[in-house]
Protein backbone atom coordinates (compact mmCIF):
# COMPACT_ATOMS: atom_id res chain seq x y z
CA MET A 1 -33.85 7.01 11.04
CA SER A 2 -31.64 7.71 8.02
CA GLY A 3 -33.59 9.12 5.11
CA GLY A 4 -30.96 9.18 2.42
CA GLY A 5 -30.08 6.40 -0.04
CA ARG A 6 -26.35 6.77 0.30
CA ARG A 7 -24.32 4.11 2.16
CA LEU A 8 -20.94 4.71 3.80
CA VAL A 9 -18.54 2.11 5.09
CA VAL A 10 -16.58 2.83 8.24
CA GLU A 11 -13.41 0.76 8.83
CA ALA A 12 -11.97 1.17 12.31
CA ASP A 13 -9.21 -0.33 14.43
CA GLY A 14 -7.08 0.36 17.48
CA GLY A 15 -3.97 -1.12 18.98
CA SER A 16 -1.87 -1.05 22.16
CA ARG A 17 1.75 -2.13 22.23
CA GLY A 18 1.79 -3.78 25.66
CA ASN A 19 -1.96 -3.78 26.51
CA PRO A 20 -1.84 -1.43 28.27
CA GLY A 21 0.92 0.35 26.50
CA PRO A 22 1.50 3.02 23.83
CA ALA A 23 -1.73 3.03 21.91
CA GLY A 24 -3.39 4.55 18.86
CA TYR A 25 -6.44 4.18 16.61
CA GLY A 26 -7.16 4.43 12.92
CA ALA A 27 -10.40 4.83 10.98
CA LEU A 28 -11.49 5.61 7.46
CA VAL A 29 -14.77 6.19 5.60
CA ARG A 30 -15.48 4.84 2.15
CA ASP A 31 -18.29 5.42 -0.29
CA ALA A 32 -19.95 1.99 -0.42
CA ALA A 33 -20.82 2.32 -4.14
CA THR A 34 -17.34 3.29 -5.41
CA GLY A 35 -14.97 2.10 -2.67
CA LEU A 36 -13.24 5.50 -2.65
CA VAL A 37 -11.80 6.71 0.66
CA LEU A 38 -13.56 9.90 1.70
CA ALA A 39 -11.94 10.51 5.12
CA GLU A 40 -9.13 9.15 7.29
CA ARG A 41 -8.60 9.64 11.01
CA ALA A 42 -5.89 8.42 13.34
CA ASP A 43 -4.34 9.57 16.61
CA TYR A 44 -1.95 8.56 19.34
CA LEU A 45 -3.65 7.99 22.72
CA GLY A 46 -0.72 7.62 25.10
CA VAL A 47 -0.73 4.57 27.34
CA THR A 48 -4.04 2.69 27.42
CA SER A 49 -5.58 -0.62 26.51
CA ASN A 50 -6.27 -2.26 23.19
CA ASN A 51 -10.05 -2.12 23.72
CA VAL A 52 -10.02 1.61 24.60
CA ALA A 53 -8.05 2.23 21.39
CA GLU A 54 -10.56 0.18 19.33
CA TYR A 55 -13.48 2.12 20.77
CA ASN A 56 -11.73 5.40 19.98
CA GLY A 57 -11.26 4.23 16.40
CA LEU A 58 -14.97 3.49 16.17
CA ILE A 59 -15.89 6.92 17.54
CA ALA A 60 -13.54 8.71 15.14
CA GLY A 61 -14.82 6.76 12.17
CA VAL A 62 -18.54 7.28 12.77
CA THR A 63 -17.96 10.92 13.61
CA ALA A 64 -16.23 11.42 10.24
CA ALA A 65 -19.06 9.53 8.49
CA ARG A 66 -21.74 11.65 10.06
CA GLU A 67 -19.87 14.82 9.09
CA ILE A 68 -19.75 13.64 5.47
CA ASP A 69 -23.47 12.75 5.23
CA PRO A 70 -25.74 12.76 8.28
CA THR A 71 -28.44 11.02 6.32
CA ALA A 72 -26.36 8.09 5.04
CA SER A 73 -26.77 4.53 6.33
CA LEU A 74 -23.55 3.16 7.84
CA GLU A 75 -21.78 -0.18 7.76
CA VAL A 76 -19.09 -0.41 10.48
CA ARG A 77 -16.39 -2.99 9.91
CA MET A 78 -13.99 -3.93 12.72
CA ASP A 79 -11.81 -6.89 13.54
CA SER A 80 -12.60 -6.48 17.20
CA ARG A 81 -15.29 -9.03 18.01
CA LEU A 82 -15.63 -7.48 21.50
CA VAL A 83 -16.58 -4.00 20.15
CA VAL A 84 -18.87 -5.46 17.46
CA GLU A 85 -20.70 -7.78 19.92
CA GLN A 86 -21.02 -5.07 22.57
CA MET A 87 -22.32 -2.40 20.18
CA THR A 88 -24.92 -4.80 18.77
CA GLY A 89 -26.05 -5.65 22.33
CA THR A 90 -25.06 -9.31 22.12
CA TRP A 91 -22.51 -8.97 24.88
CA GLN A 92 -22.79 -6.94 28.09
CA ILE A 93 -20.40 -4.06 28.65
CA LYS A 94 -19.04 -4.52 32.20
CA HIS A 95 -16.03 -2.18 32.14
CA ALA A 96 -16.79 1.43 33.03
CA ASP A 97 -14.49 2.89 30.38
CA MET A 98 -16.05 0.67 27.74
CA ARG A 99 -19.58 1.76 28.75
CA ARG A 100 -18.62 5.40 28.50
CA LEU A 101 -16.99 5.02 25.04
CA ALA A 102 -19.88 2.94 23.77
CA GLN A 103 -22.38 5.61 24.86
CA GLN A 104 -20.20 8.23 23.20
CA ALA A 105 -20.39 6.32 19.94
CA ARG A 106 -24.17 5.96 20.23
CA ASP A 107 -24.49 9.69 20.90
CA VAL A 108 -22.58 10.44 17.70
CA LEU A 109 -24.68 7.97 15.72
CA GLY A 110 -27.98 9.34 16.92
CA ASP A 111 -30.77 7.96 14.67
CA ALA A 112 -28.43 6.68 11.99
CA ASP A 113 -29.17 3.39 10.29
CA VAL A 114 -26.05 1.38 11.29
CA THR A 115 -24.92 -2.18 10.83
CA TYR A 116 -21.86 -3.68 12.52
CA VAL A 117 -19.77 -6.33 10.78
CA TRP A 118 -16.90 -8.32 12.21
CA VAL A 119 -14.09 -8.87 9.61
CA PRO A 120 -10.81 -10.77 9.83
CA ARG A 121 -7.78 -8.61 10.59
CA ALA A 122 -6.45 -9.06 7.05
CA GLU A 123 -9.58 -7.34 5.72
CA ASN A 124 -9.09 -4.38 8.06
CA SER A 125 -5.52 -3.58 6.96
CA ALA A 126 -6.12 0.04 6.01
CA ALA A 127 -7.45 0.99 9.48
CA ASP A 128 -4.73 -1.08 11.12
CA ALA A 129 -2.05 0.73 9.09
CA LEU A 130 -3.47 4.11 10.18
CA ALA A 131 -3.41 3.04 13.83
CA ASN A 132 0.19 1.86 13.56
CA ALA A 133 1.17 5.06 11.78
CA ALA A 134 -0.27 7.07 14.71
CA MET A 135 1.64 4.97 17.19
CA ASP A 136 4.88 5.22 15.24
CA ARG A 137 4.65 8.97 14.76
CA ARG A 138 2.95 9.64 18.12
CA GLY A 139 0.75 12.01 16.18
CA SER A 140 -2.56 12.35 14.40
CA VAL A 141 -3.93 12.01 10.87
CA HIS A 142 -6.85 13.99 9.62
CA ARG A 143 -7.44 13.74 5.86
CA ASP A 144 -10.52 14.35 3.78
CA ALA A 145 -10.75 13.49 0.09
CA ALA A 146 -10.66 16.20 -2.50
CA PRO A 147 -13.85 16.59 -4.66
CA ALA A 148 -14.24 13.46 -6.74
CA GLU A 149 -12.95 13.64 -10.33
CA PRO A 150 -13.43 10.94 -13.01
CA ARG A 151 -10.71 8.31 -12.79
CA GLY A 152 -8.50 8.34 -15.87
CA VAL A 153 -8.97 11.99 -16.76
CA ARG A 154 -5.71 13.83 -17.26
CA PRO A 155 -5.82 17.27 -15.64
CA LEU A 156 -3.05 18.68 -17.81
CA GLU A 157 -3.42 18.18 -21.60
CA HIS A 158 -0.06 19.53 -22.61
CA ARG A 159 3.27 17.65 -22.44
CA PRO A 160 5.23 19.36 -19.65
CA SER A 161 8.71 20.74 -20.04
CA GLY A 162 11.51 18.27 -19.43
CA THR A 163 9.82 15.21 -20.92
CA PRO A 164 11.61 13.45 -23.78
CA ILE A 165 10.73 14.83 -27.20
CA ARG A 166 8.40 12.72 -29.37
CA PHE A 167 7.30 13.01 -32.95
CA ASP A 168 3.81 11.60 -32.58
CA ALA A 169 0.82 12.10 -30.33
CA ASP A 170 0.83 8.61 -28.87
CA GLU A 171 0.09 8.33 -25.14
CA PRO A 172 1.93 5.85 -22.96
CA VAL A 173 0.85 3.60 -20.13
CA THR A 174 2.25 4.93 -16.84
CA VAL A 175 3.59 2.28 -14.48
CA VAL A 176 3.98 3.26 -10.78
CA LEU A 177 6.45 0.81 -9.22
CA VAL A 178 6.22 0.46 -5.42
CA ARG A 179 8.63 -1.64 -3.36
CA HIS A 180 7.02 -3.38 -0.38
CA GLY A 181 7.45 -2.15 3.17
CA GLU A 182 9.91 -3.38 5.70
CA THR A 183 10.04 -7.06 6.79
CA PRO A 184 12.23 -8.76 9.43
CA LEU A 185 14.64 -9.77 6.64
CA THR A 186 14.86 -6.18 5.49
CA VAL A 187 16.03 -5.26 8.98
CA SER A 188 18.63 -8.08 9.09
CA LYS A 189 19.72 -7.27 5.48
CA ALA A 190 19.24 -10.91 4.47
CA TYR A 191 18.47 -11.88 0.92
CA SER A 192 14.70 -12.42 0.70
CA GLY A 193 13.60 -13.85 -2.58
CA SER A 194 10.60 -15.55 -4.23
CA SER A 195 11.33 -19.16 -3.15
CA GLU A 196 9.43 -18.59 0.10
CA PRO A 197 6.11 -16.78 0.39
CA GLY A 198 7.01 -14.94 3.63
CA PRO A 199 7.89 -12.99 5.64
CA SER A 200 5.08 -10.53 6.48
CA LEU A 201 5.52 -6.82 6.99
CA THR A 202 6.70 -5.46 10.37
CA ALA A 203 4.57 -2.84 12.13
CA LEU A 204 6.92 -0.20 10.64
CA GLY A 205 6.46 -1.88 7.24
CA ARG A 206 2.71 -1.47 7.44
CA ALA A 207 3.12 2.20 8.36
CA GLN A 208 5.55 2.62 5.40
CA ALA A 209 2.95 0.97 3.09
CA ALA A 210 0.26 3.42 4.39
CA ARG A 211 2.58 6.36 3.55
CA ALA A 212 3.32 4.85 0.11
CA ALA A 213 -0.46 4.57 -0.40
CA ASP A 214 -0.79 8.28 0.38
CA LEU A 215 1.94 9.08 -2.20
CA VAL A 216 0.45 6.88 -4.89
CA TYR A 217 -2.98 8.37 -4.29
CA ARG A 218 -1.55 11.78 -5.23
CA VAL A 219 -0.39 10.56 -8.66
CA GLY A 220 -2.37 12.41 -11.30
CA ARG A 221 -3.82 14.75 -8.69
CA ASP A 222 -1.31 17.14 -7.12
CA LEU A 223 1.82 15.15 -8.13
CA TRP A 224 2.75 14.14 -11.66
CA GLY A 225 -0.43 15.78 -12.87
CA ASP A 226 0.13 14.98 -16.52
CA VAL A 227 -0.71 11.30 -16.04
CA PRO A 228 -4.08 9.55 -15.50
CA TYR A 229 -5.13 8.51 -12.02
CA PRO A 230 -4.25 4.89 -11.09
CA SER A 231 -6.92 2.52 -12.38
CA GLN A 232 -5.29 -0.94 -11.91
CA LEU A 233 -3.24 -2.54 -9.13
CA ILE A 234 -0.92 -5.47 -9.66
CA ALA A 235 1.36 -7.14 -7.10
CA SER A 236 3.86 -9.92 -6.74
CA PRO A 237 2.30 -12.97 -5.08
CA MET A 238 4.67 -12.76 -2.08
CA VAL A 239 3.13 -12.10 1.38
CA ARG A 240 4.94 -8.82 1.84
CA THR A 241 3.85 -7.38 -1.52
CA GLN A 242 0.33 -8.61 -1.16
CA GLU A 243 0.08 -6.93 2.26
CA THR A 244 1.56 -3.72 0.90
CA ALA A 245 -0.77 -3.80 -2.09
CA ALA A 246 -3.85 -4.38 0.12
CA ILE A 247 -3.06 -1.16 1.98
CA ILE A 248 -2.53 0.72 -1.26
CA GLY A 249 -5.70 -0.80 -2.75
CA ALA A 250 -7.72 0.28 0.27
CA ARG A 251 -6.49 3.89 -0.25
CA LEU A 252 -7.23 3.84 -4.00
CA GLY A 253 -10.39 1.75 -3.98
CA LEU A 254 -8.81 -0.86 -6.24
CA ASP A 255 -8.66 -4.71 -6.07
CA VAL A 256 -5.27 -6.41 -6.20
CA THR A 257 -4.30 -8.78 -9.00
CA ALA A 258 -1.39 -11.17 -8.32
CA GLU A 259 1.25 -11.43 -11.03
CA PRO A 260 4.15 -13.92 -10.72
CA LEU A 261 6.14 -12.08 -13.46
CA VAL A 262 6.83 -9.23 -11.04
CA ALA A 263 7.99 -11.45 -8.18
CA GLU A 264 11.39 -10.97 -6.54
CA CYS A 265 14.50 -12.76 -7.76
CA ASP A 266 14.78 -16.39 -6.63
CA PHE A 267 17.97 -16.41 -4.59
CA GLY A 268 18.09 -20.17 -4.39
CA GLU A 269 20.48 -21.35 -1.69
CA TRP A 270 21.14 -17.79 -0.63
CA GLN A 271 17.59 -17.36 0.60
CA GLY A 272 17.52 -15.87 4.14
CA LEU A 273 21.29 -15.46 4.33
CA THR A 274 23.15 -12.17 4.84
CA ALA A 275 25.91 -10.95 2.54
CA ALA A 276 28.54 -12.03 5.11
CA GLU A 277 27.04 -15.52 5.37
CA ILE A 278 26.95 -15.88 1.60
CA GLU A 279 30.53 -14.73 1.25
CA ALA A 280 31.72 -17.22 3.87
CA ARG A 281 30.12 -20.14 2.03
CA TRP A 282 30.52 -18.95 -1.61
CA PRO A 283 33.59 -16.66 -1.63
CA GLY A 284 33.39 -14.07 -4.40
CA GLU A 285 30.14 -15.39 -5.87
CA LEU A 286 27.85 -12.71 -4.52
CA ARG A 287 30.03 -9.98 -6.05
CA ARG A 288 30.01 -11.82 -9.37
CA TRP A 289 26.18 -12.07 -9.18
CA HIS A 290 25.89 -8.29 -8.67
CA GLU A 291 28.47 -7.29 -11.28
CA ASP A 292 27.69 -9.81 -14.02
CA GLY A 293 23.94 -9.85 -14.74
CA ALA A 294 24.12 -13.35 -16.27
CA VAL A 295 25.51 -15.08 -13.17
CA ARG A 296 22.85 -17.10 -11.30
CA ALA A 297 22.56 -17.62 -7.59
CA PRO A 298 23.07 -21.32 -6.71
CA GLY A 299 19.73 -22.94 -7.51
CA GLY A 300 18.23 -19.57 -8.26
CA GLU A 301 18.08 -16.72 -10.79
CA SER A 302 20.37 -14.12 -12.27
CA ILE A 303 19.62 -10.42 -12.50
CA GLU A 304 19.03 -10.84 -16.21
CA ASP A 305 16.47 -13.59 -15.45
CA VAL A 306 14.57 -11.12 -13.40
CA GLY A 307 14.94 -8.55 -16.16
CA ALA A 308 13.42 -10.97 -18.71
CA ARG A 309 10.44 -11.55 -16.41
CA MET A 310 9.92 -7.84 -15.78
CA ARG A 311 10.25 -7.06 -19.51
CA ALA A 312 7.51 -9.55 -20.21
CA GLY A 313 5.34 -8.20 -17.41
CA LEU A 314 5.70 -4.60 -18.59
CA ALA A 315 4.98 -5.58 -22.18
CA ALA A 316 1.78 -7.25 -21.06
CA ILE A 317 0.77 -4.10 -19.24
CA ARG A 318 1.53 -1.94 -22.29
CA ASP A 319 -0.31 -4.26 -24.66
CA ALA A 320 -3.40 -4.20 -22.46
CA GLY A 321 -3.90 -0.52 -23.19
CA VAL A 322 -2.16 2.85 -22.91
CA ASP A 323 -3.32 6.25 -21.66
CA ARG A 324 -3.81 4.84 -18.17
CA THR A 325 -1.87 4.29 -14.94
CA VAL A 326 -1.06 0.93 -13.44
CA VAL A 327 0.41 0.45 -9.95
CA VAL A 328 2.82 -2.46 -9.56
CA VAL A 329 3.89 -3.55 -6.07
CA SER A 330 7.15 -5.45 -6.34
CA HIS A 331 10.64 -5.92 -4.85
CA SER A 332 14.09 -4.29 -4.88
CA VAL A 333 15.76 -6.35 -7.59
CA SER A 334 12.58 -6.43 -9.69
CA VAL A 335 12.06 -2.64 -9.51
CA ARG A 336 15.72 -2.05 -10.38
CA ALA A 337 15.32 -4.43 -13.37
CA ALA A 338 12.20 -2.63 -14.55
CA VAL A 339 13.92 0.75 -14.39
CA GLY A 340 17.04 -0.61 -16.05
CA VAL A 341 14.97 -2.17 -18.86
CA ALA A 342 13.03 1.05 -19.36
CA ILE A 343 16.14 3.19 -19.65
CA GLY A 344 18.10 0.62 -21.69
CA ALA A 345 20.94 0.26 -19.14
CA GLN A 346 23.20 -2.78 -18.98
CA SER A 347 22.16 -5.31 -16.32
CA SER A 348 25.52 -4.86 -14.54
CA ALA A 349 24.41 -1.26 -13.69
CA TRP A 350 21.00 -2.09 -12.28
CA ALA A 351 22.35 -2.77 -8.75
CA ARG A 352 23.39 0.90 -8.55
CA ILE A 353 19.75 2.07 -8.46
CA ARG A 354 18.61 2.84 -4.92
CA VAL A 355 15.19 1.44 -4.12
CA ALA A 356 14.29 1.86 -0.46
CA PRO A 357 11.35 0.07 1.24
CA ALA A 358 8.00 1.57 0.20
CA SER A 359 9.69 3.84 -2.34
CA VAL A 360 8.00 4.80 -5.59
CA SER A 361 9.45 4.78 -9.10
CA ILE A 362 7.59 5.71 -12.32
CA ILE A 363 8.20 4.57 -15.85
CA ARG A 364 6.14 5.24 -19.00
CA LEU A 365 5.78 2.74 -21.87
CA PHE A 366 4.78 3.90 -25.33
CA PRO A 367 3.05 1.73 -28.02
CA ASP A 368 6.11 1.82 -30.28
CA GLY A 369 8.24 0.13 -27.65
CA THR A 370 10.10 3.21 -26.42
CA SER A 371 9.97 4.22 -22.77
CA GLU A 372 10.97 6.96 -20.34
CA VAL A 373 11.86 6.98 -16.67
CA SER A 374 10.09 9.75 -14.78
CA VAL A 375 10.95 8.93 -11.08
CA VAL A 376 13.36 6.57 -9.34
CA GLY A 377 13.21 5.56 -5.70
CA CYS A 378 11.06 8.47 -4.46
CA PRO A 379 10.76 7.96 -0.67
CA SER A 380 7.27 7.80 0.80
CA GLU A 381 8.63 8.96 4.21
CA THR A 382 7.62 12.50 5.07
């Protein structure tokens, strides 16, 4: 039996697009005490069944955990009731492939102290995103965490070349703005605002969110090393931003706080319509909305309305404390507004800022009310 006092959490999942069909698995290992991700594994399996993919995710996850600490006790979390019930012995394993894979998992575990927990799919989003990324890329993921460093410590104590000159030693709060991943309305190029909670992310959108999580994780580490590591995660209350934030939070070990101030523009009667459909019913109004920031969508908001909300949200973040990094998961119009407010640009120019799905922008807010824009629309695609 395990002799150490450390606990590791394994989150595992697998999927098959067709069942059987193109399949892949995803798994990650967390430190139970801190929530930090210690290892991630994913791979494409070719054409096979959903259950085979889930078992492969289990094997990859427990293998990584045993490599990290062979003495640790393990808690395995999966949204596959079949795998959980079979591995605990509650259900018989009748299929030969399942018996073989279950025995392989037991061989890896050896005398480990292991507990299996079934969780709803929404609570297994990080492993699900890894599995989808493997299927999308038809490739593998093998990542191990760098040695732990205290969150909030700034590796570089000097102000790097290229930053705006200041005449004081005040430190800012860094705000990492992330647009949500793709949704069905992103694909159709329809206007998707805050008047409806949905839609959810597509499979590609979840994979994009996982890649954005990887990029955000590097903030303060090997990218933008003059800023503190992210220590707070805020998201618009919409379904697509909450789903994206959950994947990012799983990567960072942070809980998500919903904030209505950073929600998308309310497009009113334009909700769900494409630009062509809006133009047919309200000739010339959409162009006026984009070019004159004070013009409101019928029954909805103007770009300046969104700017006022984002200005208030950013001020609240700044007033809650500087010398830290806050991740904000939001929307296209809202991110453009935040960047526009930070740089002092007129609202009529905000629409010219490119903010792709799952892209990252970074602004920094100083106690005296000044600000700088460090990054705009950095793609998370590799």
